[in-house]
Amino acid sequence: MGTPLNQQALDQLFLAARSYGKFESTPVDDATLQRLYDLLKWGPTAFNSQPARYVFVRSAEAKARLEPALSPGNKEKTLAAPVTVIVAQDTRFFEHVANPKVRENFEANAHLVEPTIARNSSLQAAYLILAARALGLDVGPMSGFDAGALDQAFFPDGRYKVNLIANLGYGIPDSPAPRAGRLGFAEVAEIV
């Protein structure tokens, strides 16, 4: 398909990339957020379903709506981050799927919706992290929040359900904690 990425790109996306909790005050502009989406949308999802929905929380007013749902350990860093993105799942995502047979299948089989949105919006959140890193942004994904409170604050009609949130910006270089180890190949994988 293509040429392997060079070491600098691999470092930026994976090997030297970190989850950031502290960010410079440099704003992240609308054009960068739009470009971020324009990259991540090309990641594969089942049936090209793209069930994730994004709310880029940047204003003081929106951050105030976000704050009550955050766990105590995530409040300070999230309120200080230039942008916090809420990655949600559209429970009616199939209305946007091009194939009418796929739409009909989800309409007739409601039990298929939840696992599909959970898997595929999580994939899209991972694409968001990689796209952000590719654009030179740093990311701090987290799950420390009250999902019900967040849904009520941002998605009161119930159609969207939060999956995770992530802070975006330009990380302060020495702010991440020392990198924790990772499991080795033999501990988690096998070739059969």
N, C-alpha and C. Protein backbone atom coordinates (compact mmCIF):
# COMPACT_ATOMS: atom_id res chain seq x y z
N MET A 1 0.82 -1.20 0.00
CA MET A 1 0.00 0.00 0.00
C MET A 1 0.86 1.25 0.00
N GLY A 2 1.88 1.27 0.82
CA GLY A 2 2.67 2.48 0.89
C GLY A 2 4.03 2.20 1.49
N THR A 3 4.75 3.25 1.71
CA THR A 3 6.08 3.19 2.28
C THR A 3 5.98 3.31 3.80
N PRO A 4 6.73 2.50 4.54
CA PRO A 4 6.71 2.67 6.00
C PRO A 4 7.09 4.10 6.39
N LEU A 5 6.47 4.61 7.45
CA LEU A 5 6.80 5.94 7.94
C LEU A 5 8.22 5.97 8.46
N ASN A 6 8.83 7.14 8.41
CA ASN A 6 10.18 7.28 8.93
C ASN A 6 10.16 7.30 10.46
N GLN A 7 11.33 7.22 11.06
CA GLN A 7 11.43 7.13 12.51
C GLN A 7 10.85 8.36 13.20
N GLN A 8 11.05 9.54 12.62
CA GLN A 8 10.50 10.76 13.23
C GLN A 8 8.97 10.69 13.32
N ALA A 9 8.33 10.21 12.27
CA ALA A 9 6.87 10.09 12.28
C ALA A 9 6.42 9.04 13.29
N LEU A 10 7.11 7.92 13.36
CA LEU A 10 6.76 6.88 14.33
C LEU A 10 6.92 7.39 15.76
N ASP A 11 7.97 8.17 15.98
CA ASP A 11 8.18 8.75 17.31
C ASP A 11 7.03 9.69 17.66
N GLN A 12 6.65 10.56 16.71
CA GLN A 12 5.60 11.55 16.97
C GLN A 12 4.25 10.89 17.23
N LEU A 13 3.96 9.83 16.52
CA LEU A 13 2.66 9.18 16.66
C LEU A 13 2.60 8.20 17.83
N PHE A 14 3.73 7.51 18.11
CA PHE A 14 3.70 6.43 19.09
C PHE A 14 4.84 6.45 20.11
N LEU A 15 6.07 6.33 19.63
CA LEU A 15 7.18 6.00 20.51
C LEU A 15 7.57 7.10 21.49
N ALA A 16 7.51 8.35 21.06
CA ALA A 16 7.83 9.46 21.96
C ALA A 16 6.57 10.21 22.41
N ALA A 17 5.44 9.84 21.87
CA ALA A 17 4.18 10.52 22.22
C ALA A 17 3.79 10.16 23.64
N ARG A 18 3.16 11.11 24.30
CA ARG A 18 2.76 10.92 25.70
C ARG A 18 1.34 11.43 25.89
N SER A 19 0.73 11.02 26.97
CA SER A 19 -0.55 11.60 27.38
C SER A 19 -0.25 12.80 28.26
N TYR A 20 -0.70 13.96 27.85
CA TYR A 20 -0.39 15.20 28.56
C TYR A 20 -1.49 15.61 29.51
N GLY A 21 -1.08 16.16 30.66
CA GLY A 21 -2.01 16.71 31.62
C GLY A 21 -1.87 18.21 31.75
N LYS A 22 -0.77 18.76 31.23
CA LYS A 22 -0.54 20.21 31.28
C LYS A 22 -0.20 20.69 29.88
N PHE A 23 -0.82 21.83 29.56
CA PHE A 23 -0.67 22.39 28.21
C PHE A 23 -0.27 23.85 28.29
N GLU A 24 0.44 24.30 27.26
CA GLU A 24 0.73 25.72 27.12
C GLU A 24 -0.59 26.46 26.93
N SER A 25 -0.59 27.74 27.14
CA SER A 25 -1.82 28.52 26.97
C SER A 25 -2.12 28.84 25.50
N THR A 26 -1.25 28.42 24.60
CA THR A 26 -1.45 28.66 23.17
C THR A 26 -2.79 28.08 22.72
N PRO A 27 -3.64 28.91 22.12
CA PRO A 27 -4.95 28.40 21.69
C PRO A 27 -4.82 27.43 20.51
N VAL A 28 -5.83 26.60 20.36
CA VAL A 28 -5.97 25.72 19.20
C VAL A 28 -7.09 26.32 18.37
N ASP A 29 -6.77 26.76 17.16
CA ASP A 29 -7.75 27.49 16.35
C ASP A 29 -8.75 26.57 15.66
N ASP A 30 -9.82 27.18 15.15
CA ASP A 30 -10.88 26.44 14.47
C ASP A 30 -10.35 25.65 13.28
N ALA A 31 -9.46 26.25 12.52
CA ALA A 31 -8.92 25.59 11.33
C ALA A 31 -8.20 24.30 11.70
N THR A 32 -7.48 24.31 12.81
CA THR A 32 -6.78 23.10 13.25
C THR A 32 -7.77 22.03 13.68
N LEU A 33 -8.82 22.41 14.38
CA LEU A 33 -9.83 21.44 14.80
C LEU A 33 -10.57 20.86 13.59
N GLN A 34 -10.84 21.68 12.60
CA GLN A 34 -11.49 21.19 11.38
C GLN A 34 -10.56 20.25 10.62
N ARG A 35 -9.28 20.60 10.57
CA ARG A 35 -8.30 19.74 9.90
C ARG A 35 -8.17 18.41 10.64
N LEU A 36 -8.20 18.47 11.96
CA LEU A 36 -8.16 17.26 12.77
C LEU A 36 -9.30 16.33 12.38
N TYR A 37 -10.51 16.86 12.32
CA TYR A 37 -11.64 16.02 11.92
C TYR A 37 -11.48 15.52 10.50
N ASP A 38 -11.01 16.39 9.60
CA ASP A 38 -10.86 15.99 8.21
C ASP A 38 -9.84 14.86 8.03
N LEU A 39 -8.93 14.68 8.97
CA LEU A 39 -8.03 13.53 8.94
C LEU A 39 -8.69 12.30 9.57
N LEU A 40 -9.23 12.45 10.76
CA LEU A 40 -9.72 11.28 11.49
C LEU A 40 -10.90 10.61 10.81
N LYS A 41 -11.68 11.37 10.05
CA LYS A 41 -12.89 10.80 9.44
C LYS A 41 -12.59 9.69 8.44
N TRP A 42 -11.34 9.62 7.97
CA TRP A 42 -10.98 8.61 6.98
C TRP A 42 -10.62 7.27 7.61
N GLY A 43 -10.53 7.19 8.93
CA GLY A 43 -10.26 5.91 9.58
C GLY A 43 -11.45 4.97 9.39
N PRO A 44 -11.18 3.68 9.18
CA PRO A 44 -12.28 2.75 8.92
C PRO A 44 -13.17 2.49 10.13
N THR A 45 -14.47 2.38 9.85
CA THR A 45 -15.47 1.95 10.83
C THR A 45 -16.39 0.96 10.12
N ALA A 46 -17.08 0.13 10.89
CA ALA A 46 -18.00 -0.84 10.31
C ALA A 46 -19.04 -0.13 9.45
N PHE A 47 -19.20 -0.59 8.23
CA PHE A 47 -20.18 -0.03 7.28
C PHE A 47 -19.94 1.46 7.01
N ASN A 48 -18.72 1.94 7.26
CA ASN A 48 -18.45 3.38 7.19
C ASN A 48 -19.47 4.15 8.02
N SER A 49 -19.78 3.59 9.17
CA SER A 49 -20.87 4.12 9.99
C SER A 49 -20.54 5.41 10.73
N GLN A 50 -19.30 5.62 11.06
CA GLN A 50 -18.86 6.84 11.74
C GLN A 50 -19.83 7.27 12.84
N PRO A 51 -20.01 6.46 13.90
CA PRO A 51 -20.98 6.81 14.93
C PRO A 51 -20.51 7.87 15.93
N ALA A 52 -19.24 8.24 15.91
CA ALA A 52 -18.75 9.23 16.87
C ALA A 52 -19.24 10.63 16.49
N ARG A 53 -19.49 11.42 17.53
CA ARG A 53 -19.83 12.83 17.39
C ARG A 53 -18.92 13.58 18.34
N TYR A 54 -18.54 14.79 17.98
CA TYR A 54 -17.50 15.53 18.71
C TYR A 54 -18.01 16.89 19.14
N VAL A 55 -17.74 17.22 20.38
CA VAL A 55 -17.98 18.57 20.88
C VAL A 55 -16.64 19.08 21.36
N PHE A 56 -16.14 20.13 20.70
CA PHE A 56 -14.87 20.74 21.08
C PHE A 56 -15.17 21.85 22.08
N VAL A 57 -14.88 21.60 23.33
CA VAL A 57 -15.20 22.50 24.42
C VAL A 57 -14.02 23.44 24.61
N ARG A 58 -14.25 24.73 24.33
CA ARG A 58 -13.16 25.70 24.41
C ARG A 58 -13.53 26.94 25.21
N SER A 59 -14.75 27.40 25.12
CA SER A 59 -15.14 28.64 25.79
C SER A 59 -15.23 28.43 27.30
N ALA A 60 -15.12 29.53 28.05
CA ALA A 60 -15.25 29.48 29.51
C ALA A 60 -16.65 28.99 29.89
N GLU A 61 -17.67 29.42 29.15
CA GLU A 61 -19.04 28.99 29.43
C GLU A 61 -19.20 27.47 29.26
N ALA A 62 -18.64 26.93 28.17
CA ALA A 62 -18.74 25.49 27.93
C ALA A 62 -17.92 24.70 28.95
N LYS A 63 -16.76 25.23 29.33
CA LYS A 63 -15.94 24.57 30.36
C LYS A 63 -16.70 24.53 31.69
N ALA A 64 -17.46 25.58 31.99
CA ALA A 64 -18.26 25.61 33.22
C ALA A 64 -19.33 24.53 33.20
N ARG A 65 -19.89 24.23 32.03
CA ARG A 65 -20.87 23.15 31.90
C ARG A 65 -20.21 21.79 32.07
N LEU A 66 -18.96 21.70 31.65
CA LEU A 66 -18.20 20.45 31.72
C LEU A 66 -17.74 20.13 33.14
N GLU A 67 -17.36 21.16 33.88
CA GLU A 67 -16.72 21.00 35.20
C GLU A 67 -17.45 20.08 36.17
N PRO A 68 -18.76 20.23 36.39
CA PRO A 68 -19.42 19.38 37.40
C PRO A 68 -19.35 17.88 37.11
N ALA A 69 -19.14 17.52 35.86
CA ALA A 69 -19.10 16.10 35.49
C ALA A 69 -17.71 15.49 35.65
N LEU A 70 -16.70 16.31 35.87
CA LEU A 70 -15.32 15.82 35.95
C LEU A 70 -15.00 15.25 37.32
N SER A 71 -14.20 14.19 37.34
CA SER A 71 -13.72 13.67 38.63
C SER A 71 -12.74 14.70 39.20
N PRO A 72 -12.58 14.73 40.53
CA PRO A 72 -11.70 15.74 41.14
C PRO A 72 -10.29 15.78 40.55
N GLY A 73 -9.73 14.63 40.24
CA GLY A 73 -8.37 14.59 39.70
C GLY A 73 -8.24 15.10 38.28
N ASN A 74 -9.35 15.27 37.59
CA ASN A 74 -9.31 15.74 36.20
C ASN A 74 -9.76 17.19 36.02
N LYS A 75 -10.26 17.82 37.08
CA LYS A 75 -10.82 19.16 36.93
C LYS A 75 -9.78 20.20 36.54
N GLU A 76 -8.73 20.31 37.32
CA GLU A 76 -7.75 21.38 37.08
C GLU A 76 -7.15 21.30 35.69
N LYS A 77 -6.70 20.11 35.30
CA LYS A 77 -6.04 19.99 33.99
C LYS A 77 -7.01 20.19 32.83
N THR A 78 -8.25 19.78 33.02
CA THR A 78 -9.23 19.92 31.94
C THR A 78 -9.67 21.37 31.78
N LEU A 79 -9.89 22.04 32.88
CA LEU A 79 -10.29 23.45 32.80
C LEU A 79 -9.18 24.33 32.25
N ALA A 80 -7.92 23.92 32.45
CA ALA A 80 -6.78 24.70 31.96
C ALA A 80 -6.41 24.37 30.51
N ALA A 81 -6.84 23.22 30.02
CA ALA A 81 -6.49 22.82 28.65
C ALA A 81 -7.13 23.76 27.63
N PRO A 82 -6.44 24.04 26.53
CA PRO A 82 -7.02 24.92 25.51
C PRO A 82 -8.34 24.39 24.94
N VAL A 83 -8.43 23.08 24.77
CA VAL A 83 -9.64 22.46 24.22
C VAL A 83 -9.83 21.10 24.91
N THR A 84 -11.07 20.79 25.18
CA THR A 84 -11.42 19.43 25.60
C THR A 84 -12.44 18.93 24.61
N VAL A 85 -12.18 17.78 24.02
CA VAL A 85 -13.14 17.22 23.06
C VAL A 85 -13.92 16.12 23.75
N ILE A 86 -15.22 16.20 23.63
CA ILE A 86 -16.11 15.13 24.08
C ILE A 86 -16.35 14.24 22.87
N VAL A 87 -15.98 12.98 22.98
CA VAL A 87 -16.26 12.02 21.91
C VAL A 87 -17.50 11.25 22.36
N ALA A 88 -18.58 11.44 21.63
CA ALA A 88 -19.86 10.81 21.96
C ALA A 88 -20.22 9.79 20.88
N GLN A 89 -21.27 9.04 21.18
CA GLN A 89 -21.77 8.01 20.28
C GLN A 89 -23.19 8.36 19.88
N ASP A 90 -23.46 8.36 18.60
CA ASP A 90 -24.80 8.66 18.10
C ASP A 90 -25.61 7.36 18.07
N THR A 91 -26.62 7.27 18.90
CA THR A 91 -27.43 6.05 18.98
C THR A 91 -28.28 5.82 17.73
N ARG A 92 -28.36 6.82 16.87
CA ARG A 92 -29.08 6.69 15.60
C ARG A 92 -28.14 6.88 14.41
N PHE A 93 -26.88 6.49 14.60
CA PHE A 93 -25.84 6.67 13.58
C PHE A 93 -26.26 6.10 12.23
N PHE A 94 -27.01 5.02 12.25
CA PHE A 94 -27.34 4.30 11.02
C PHE A 94 -28.21 5.12 10.08
N GLU A 95 -28.81 6.18 10.56
CA GLU A 95 -29.58 7.05 9.68
C GLU A 95 -28.70 7.72 8.63
N HIS A 96 -27.39 7.75 8.89
CA HIS A 96 -26.44 8.39 7.98
C HIS A 96 -25.66 7.40 7.13
N VAL A 97 -25.91 6.11 7.30
CA VAL A 97 -25.20 5.09 6.53
C VAL A 97 -25.78 5.06 5.12
N ALA A 98 -24.89 5.01 4.13
CA ALA A 98 -25.32 5.09 2.73
C ALA A 98 -26.14 3.88 2.28
N ASN A 99 -25.81 2.72 2.77
CA ASN A 99 -26.47 1.49 2.32
C ASN A 99 -27.82 1.31 3.01
N PRO A 100 -28.92 1.32 2.25
CA PRO A 100 -30.24 1.21 2.87
C PRO A 100 -30.46 -0.13 3.59
N LYS A 101 -29.84 -1.20 3.12
CA LYS A 101 -30.00 -2.50 3.78
C LYS A 101 -29.36 -2.48 5.17
N VAL A 102 -28.23 -1.79 5.30
CA VAL A 102 -27.58 -1.67 6.60
C VAL A 102 -28.48 -0.86 7.53
N ARG A 103 -29.02 0.24 7.05
CA ARG A 103 -29.94 1.05 7.86
C ARG A 103 -31.11 0.21 8.34
N GLU A 104 -31.73 -0.53 7.44
CA GLU A 104 -32.87 -1.38 7.79
C GLU A 104 -32.48 -2.44 8.82
N ASN A 105 -31.29 -3.00 8.69
CA ASN A 105 -30.84 -4.03 9.62
C ASN A 105 -30.73 -3.48 11.04
N PHE A 106 -30.18 -2.28 11.18
CA PHE A 106 -30.08 -1.68 12.52
C PHE A 106 -31.45 -1.27 13.06
N GLU A 107 -32.31 -0.79 12.20
CA GLU A 107 -33.68 -0.44 12.63
C GLU A 107 -34.40 -1.67 13.17
N ALA A 108 -34.21 -2.82 12.51
CA ALA A 108 -34.90 -4.05 12.88
C ALA A 108 -34.22 -4.80 14.02
N ASN A 109 -32.97 -4.48 14.31
CA ASN A 109 -32.18 -5.21 15.31
C ASN A 109 -31.51 -4.25 16.27
N ALA A 110 -32.30 -3.65 17.14
CA ALA A 110 -31.80 -2.64 18.07
C ALA A 110 -30.65 -3.14 18.93
N HIS A 111 -30.61 -4.44 19.20
CA HIS A 111 -29.53 -5.00 20.03
C HIS A 111 -28.15 -4.90 19.37
N LEU A 112 -28.10 -4.62 18.08
CA LEU A 112 -26.83 -4.47 17.37
C LEU A 112 -26.24 -3.06 17.50
N VAL A 113 -27.07 -2.10 17.89
CA VAL A 113 -26.64 -0.70 17.91
C VAL A 113 -25.56 -0.47 18.96
N GLU A 114 -25.79 -0.85 20.20
CA GLU A 114 -24.85 -0.55 21.29
C GLU A 114 -23.44 -1.11 21.04
N PRO A 115 -23.28 -2.39 20.70
CA PRO A 115 -21.91 -2.85 20.45
C PRO A 115 -21.26 -2.18 19.25
N THR A 116 -22.05 -1.83 18.27
CA THR A 116 -21.49 -1.17 17.08
C THR A 116 -21.00 0.24 17.43
N ILE A 117 -21.80 1.00 18.16
CA ILE A 117 -21.36 2.36 18.49
C ILE A 117 -20.20 2.33 19.48
N ALA A 118 -20.20 1.38 20.40
CA ALA A 118 -19.11 1.32 21.38
C ALA A 118 -17.78 1.03 20.69
N ARG A 119 -17.75 0.02 19.85
CA ARG A 119 -16.50 -0.33 19.16
C ARG A 119 -16.04 0.78 18.22
N ASN A 120 -16.96 1.24 17.40
CA ASN A 120 -16.56 2.14 16.33
C ASN A 120 -16.32 3.57 16.77
N SER A 121 -17.03 4.06 17.78
CA SER A 121 -16.70 5.40 18.29
C SER A 121 -15.38 5.35 19.05
N SER A 122 -15.05 4.21 19.65
CA SER A 122 -13.74 4.07 20.30
C SER A 122 -12.63 4.07 19.26
N LEU A 123 -12.87 3.39 18.14
CA LEU A 123 -11.90 3.45 17.04
C LEU A 123 -11.71 4.90 16.60
N GLN A 124 -12.81 5.61 16.46
CA GLN A 124 -12.71 6.99 16.01
C GLN A 124 -11.99 7.87 17.02
N ALA A 125 -12.14 7.58 18.31
CA ALA A 125 -11.39 8.32 19.33
C ALA A 125 -9.89 8.06 19.17
N ALA A 126 -9.53 6.83 18.85
CA ALA A 126 -8.12 6.51 18.61
C ALA A 126 -7.61 7.24 17.37
N TYR A 127 -8.43 7.29 16.33
CA TYR A 127 -8.03 8.05 15.14
C TYR A 127 -7.84 9.53 15.49
N LEU A 128 -8.70 10.05 16.35
CA LEU A 128 -8.58 11.44 16.78
C LEU A 128 -7.22 11.67 17.45
N ILE A 129 -6.82 10.77 18.32
CA ILE A 129 -5.54 10.90 19.01
C ILE A 129 -4.40 10.90 18.01
N LEU A 130 -4.42 9.97 17.08
CA LEU A 130 -3.35 9.90 16.08
C LEU A 130 -3.36 11.11 15.15
N ALA A 131 -4.54 11.56 14.74
CA ALA A 131 -4.62 12.74 13.87
C ALA A 131 -4.11 13.97 14.60
N ALA A 132 -4.47 14.11 15.88
CA ALA A 132 -3.99 15.25 16.66
C ALA A 132 -2.47 15.23 16.74
N ARG A 133 -1.90 14.08 17.04
CA ARG A 133 -0.43 13.97 17.10
C ARG A 133 0.20 14.26 15.75
N ALA A 134 -0.44 13.80 14.68
CA ALA A 134 0.10 14.05 13.33
C ALA A 134 0.11 15.55 13.02
N LEU A 135 -0.81 16.30 13.61
CA LEU A 135 -0.88 17.75 13.39
C LEU A 135 -0.03 18.54 14.38
N GLY A 136 0.70 17.83 15.23
CA GLY A 136 1.57 18.51 16.19
C GLY A 136 0.90 18.86 17.50
N LEU A 137 -0.31 18.39 17.71
CA LEU A 137 -1.01 18.60 18.98
C LEU A 137 -0.65 17.49 19.95
N ASP A 138 -0.79 17.78 21.22
CA ASP A 138 -0.66 16.77 22.25
C ASP A 138 -2.04 16.47 22.79
N VAL A 139 -2.21 15.29 23.37
CA VAL A 139 -3.52 14.81 23.77
C VAL A 139 -3.45 14.22 25.18
N GLY A 140 -4.51 14.40 25.92
CA GLY A 140 -4.66 13.78 27.23
C GLY A 140 -6.02 13.13 27.33
N PRO A 141 -6.17 11.88 26.81
CA PRO A 141 -7.47 11.22 26.89
C PRO A 141 -7.78 10.78 28.31
N MET A 142 -9.07 10.71 28.65
CA MET A 142 -9.43 10.29 30.00
C MET A 142 -10.86 9.76 30.05
N SER A 143 -11.09 9.00 31.10
CA SER A 143 -12.43 8.49 31.35
C SER A 143 -12.91 8.85 32.75
N GLY A 144 -12.23 9.74 33.42
CA GLY A 144 -12.61 10.15 34.78
C GLY A 144 -13.66 11.24 34.77
N PHE A 145 -14.92 10.83 34.57
CA PHE A 145 -16.03 11.78 34.55
C PHE A 145 -17.32 11.02 34.82
N ASP A 146 -18.34 11.75 35.16
CA ASP A 146 -19.68 11.20 35.37
C ASP A 146 -20.41 11.27 34.02
N ALA A 147 -20.54 10.13 33.37
CA ALA A 147 -21.12 10.11 32.02
C ALA A 147 -22.55 10.64 32.01
N GLY A 148 -23.34 10.28 33.01
CA GLY A 148 -24.72 10.75 33.06
C GLY A 148 -24.80 12.26 33.16
N ALA A 149 -23.94 12.84 34.01
CA ALA A 149 -23.93 14.30 34.17
C ALA A 149 -23.46 14.98 32.89
N LEU A 150 -22.47 14.39 32.23
CA LEU A 150 -21.96 14.97 30.99
C LEU A 150 -23.02 14.88 29.88
N ASP A 151 -23.68 13.73 29.80
CA ASP A 151 -24.76 13.60 28.81
C ASP A 151 -25.86 14.63 29.06
N GLN A 152 -26.22 14.82 30.31
CA GLN A 152 -27.28 15.78 30.64
C GLN A 152 -26.86 17.20 30.28
N ALA A 153 -25.59 17.53 30.51
CA ALA A 153 -25.12 18.88 30.24
C ALA A 153 -24.98 19.18 28.75
N PHE A 154 -24.59 18.18 27.96
CA PHE A 154 -24.31 18.44 26.55
C PHE A 154 -25.25 17.73 25.58
N PHE A 155 -25.89 16.65 26.01
CA PHE A 155 -26.75 15.88 25.11
C PHE A 155 -28.08 15.53 25.80
N PRO A 156 -28.82 16.54 26.24
CA PRO A 156 -30.02 16.27 27.04
C PRO A 156 -31.12 15.51 26.31
N ASP A 157 -31.11 15.50 24.99
CA ASP A 157 -32.17 14.77 24.29
C ASP A 157 -31.95 13.26 24.29
N GLY A 158 -30.76 12.81 24.71
CA GLY A 158 -30.48 11.39 24.85
C GLY A 158 -30.01 10.67 23.61
N ARG A 159 -29.96 11.35 22.49
CA ARG A 159 -29.52 10.67 21.26
C ARG A 159 -28.03 10.34 21.31
N TYR A 160 -27.22 11.26 21.82
CA TYR A 160 -25.78 11.03 21.91
C TYR A 160 -25.44 10.62 23.34
N LYS A 161 -24.43 9.75 23.46
CA LYS A 161 -23.95 9.28 24.76
C LYS A 161 -22.43 9.43 24.75
N VAL A 162 -21.88 10.04 25.79
CA VAL A 162 -20.44 10.24 25.86
C VAL A 162 -19.71 8.90 25.93
N ASN A 163 -18.60 8.83 25.22
CA ASN A 163 -17.71 7.67 25.27
C ASN A 163 -16.49 8.03 26.12
N LEU A 164 -15.79 9.09 25.72
CA LEU A 164 -14.61 9.55 26.47
C LEU A 164 -14.38 11.01 26.18
N ILE A 165 -13.47 11.60 26.93
CA ILE A 165 -13.06 12.98 26.67
C ILE A 165 -11.55 13.02 26.55
N ALA A 166 -11.06 14.06 25.89
CA ALA A 166 -9.61 14.22 25.72
C ALA A 166 -9.27 15.70 25.67
N ASN A 167 -8.24 16.06 26.39
CA ASN A 167 -7.73 17.42 26.32
C ASN A 167 -6.78 17.52 25.14
N LEU A 168 -6.83 18.66 24.46
CA LEU A 168 -6.00 18.91 23.28
C LEU A 168 -5.25 20.23 23.45
N GLY A 169 -4.04 20.27 22.95
CA GLY A 169 -3.27 21.50 22.97
C GLY A 169 -1.81 21.20 22.70
N TYR A 170 -0.97 22.10 23.16
CA TYR A 170 0.47 21.95 22.99
C TYR A 170 1.04 21.68 24.37
N GLY A 171 1.43 20.43 24.60
CA GLY A 171 1.83 19.99 25.92
C GLY A 171 3.09 20.67 26.43
N ILE A 172 3.13 20.85 27.74
CA ILE A 172 4.33 21.36 28.39
C ILE A 172 5.31 20.19 28.46
N PRO A 173 6.49 20.33 27.84
CA PRO A 173 7.39 19.19 27.62
C PRO A 173 7.69 18.32 28.84
N ASP A 174 7.94 18.89 29.99
CA ASP A 174 8.32 18.08 31.14
C ASP A 174 7.14 17.70 32.02
N SER A 175 5.91 17.89 31.56
CA SER A 175 4.76 17.66 32.43
C SER A 175 4.30 16.20 32.53
N PRO A 176 4.48 15.36 31.52
CA PRO A 176 4.00 13.99 31.71
C PRO A 176 4.81 13.27 32.79
N ALA A 177 4.15 12.37 33.50
CA ALA A 177 4.84 11.52 34.46
C ALA A 177 5.79 10.60 33.70
N PRO A 178 6.76 10.05 34.39
CA PRO A 178 7.65 9.10 33.70
C PRO A 178 6.83 8.00 33.02
N ARG A 179 7.29 7.61 31.87
CA ARG A 179 6.56 6.62 31.08
C ARG A 179 6.54 5.28 31.80
N ALA A 180 5.37 4.71 31.90
CA ALA A 180 5.21 3.38 32.49
C ALA A 180 5.58 2.33 31.45
N GLY A 181 5.96 1.17 31.92
CA GLY A 181 6.30 0.08 31.01
C GLY A 181 5.10 -0.41 30.24
N ARG A 182 5.37 -1.20 29.25
CA ARG A 182 4.31 -1.80 28.44
C ARG A 182 4.55 -3.31 28.41
N LEU A 183 3.48 -4.05 28.26
CA LEU A 183 3.60 -5.49 28.14
C LEU A 183 4.30 -5.85 26.85
N GLY A 184 5.11 -6.90 26.89
CA GLY A 184 5.82 -7.36 25.70
C GLY A 184 4.92 -8.20 24.81
N PHE A 185 5.36 -8.39 23.60
CA PHE A 185 4.60 -9.15 22.60
C PHE A 185 4.18 -10.51 23.14
N ALA A 186 5.12 -11.26 23.69
CA ALA A 186 4.84 -12.62 24.16
C ALA A 186 3.83 -12.66 25.30
N GLU A 187 3.66 -11.53 26.00
CA GLU A 187 2.71 -11.47 27.11
C GLU A 187 1.27 -11.27 26.65
N VAL A 188 1.10 -10.72 25.48
CA VAL A 188 -0.26 -10.36 25.04
C VAL A 188 -0.65 -10.89 23.68
N ALA A 189 0.27 -11.50 22.96
CA ALA A 189 -0.03 -11.88 21.58
C ALA A 189 0.53 -13.25 21.25
N GLU A 190 -0.04 -13.86 20.27
CA GLU A 190 0.49 -15.11 19.74
C GLU A 190 0.24 -15.13 18.24
N ILE A 191 1.07 -15.81 17.55
CA ILE A 191 0.92 -15.99 16.11
C ILE A 191 0.55 -17.45 15.91
N VAL A 192 -0.58 -17.69 15.29
CA VAL A 192 -1.05 -19.08 15.12
C VAL A 192 -1.13 -19.45 13.64
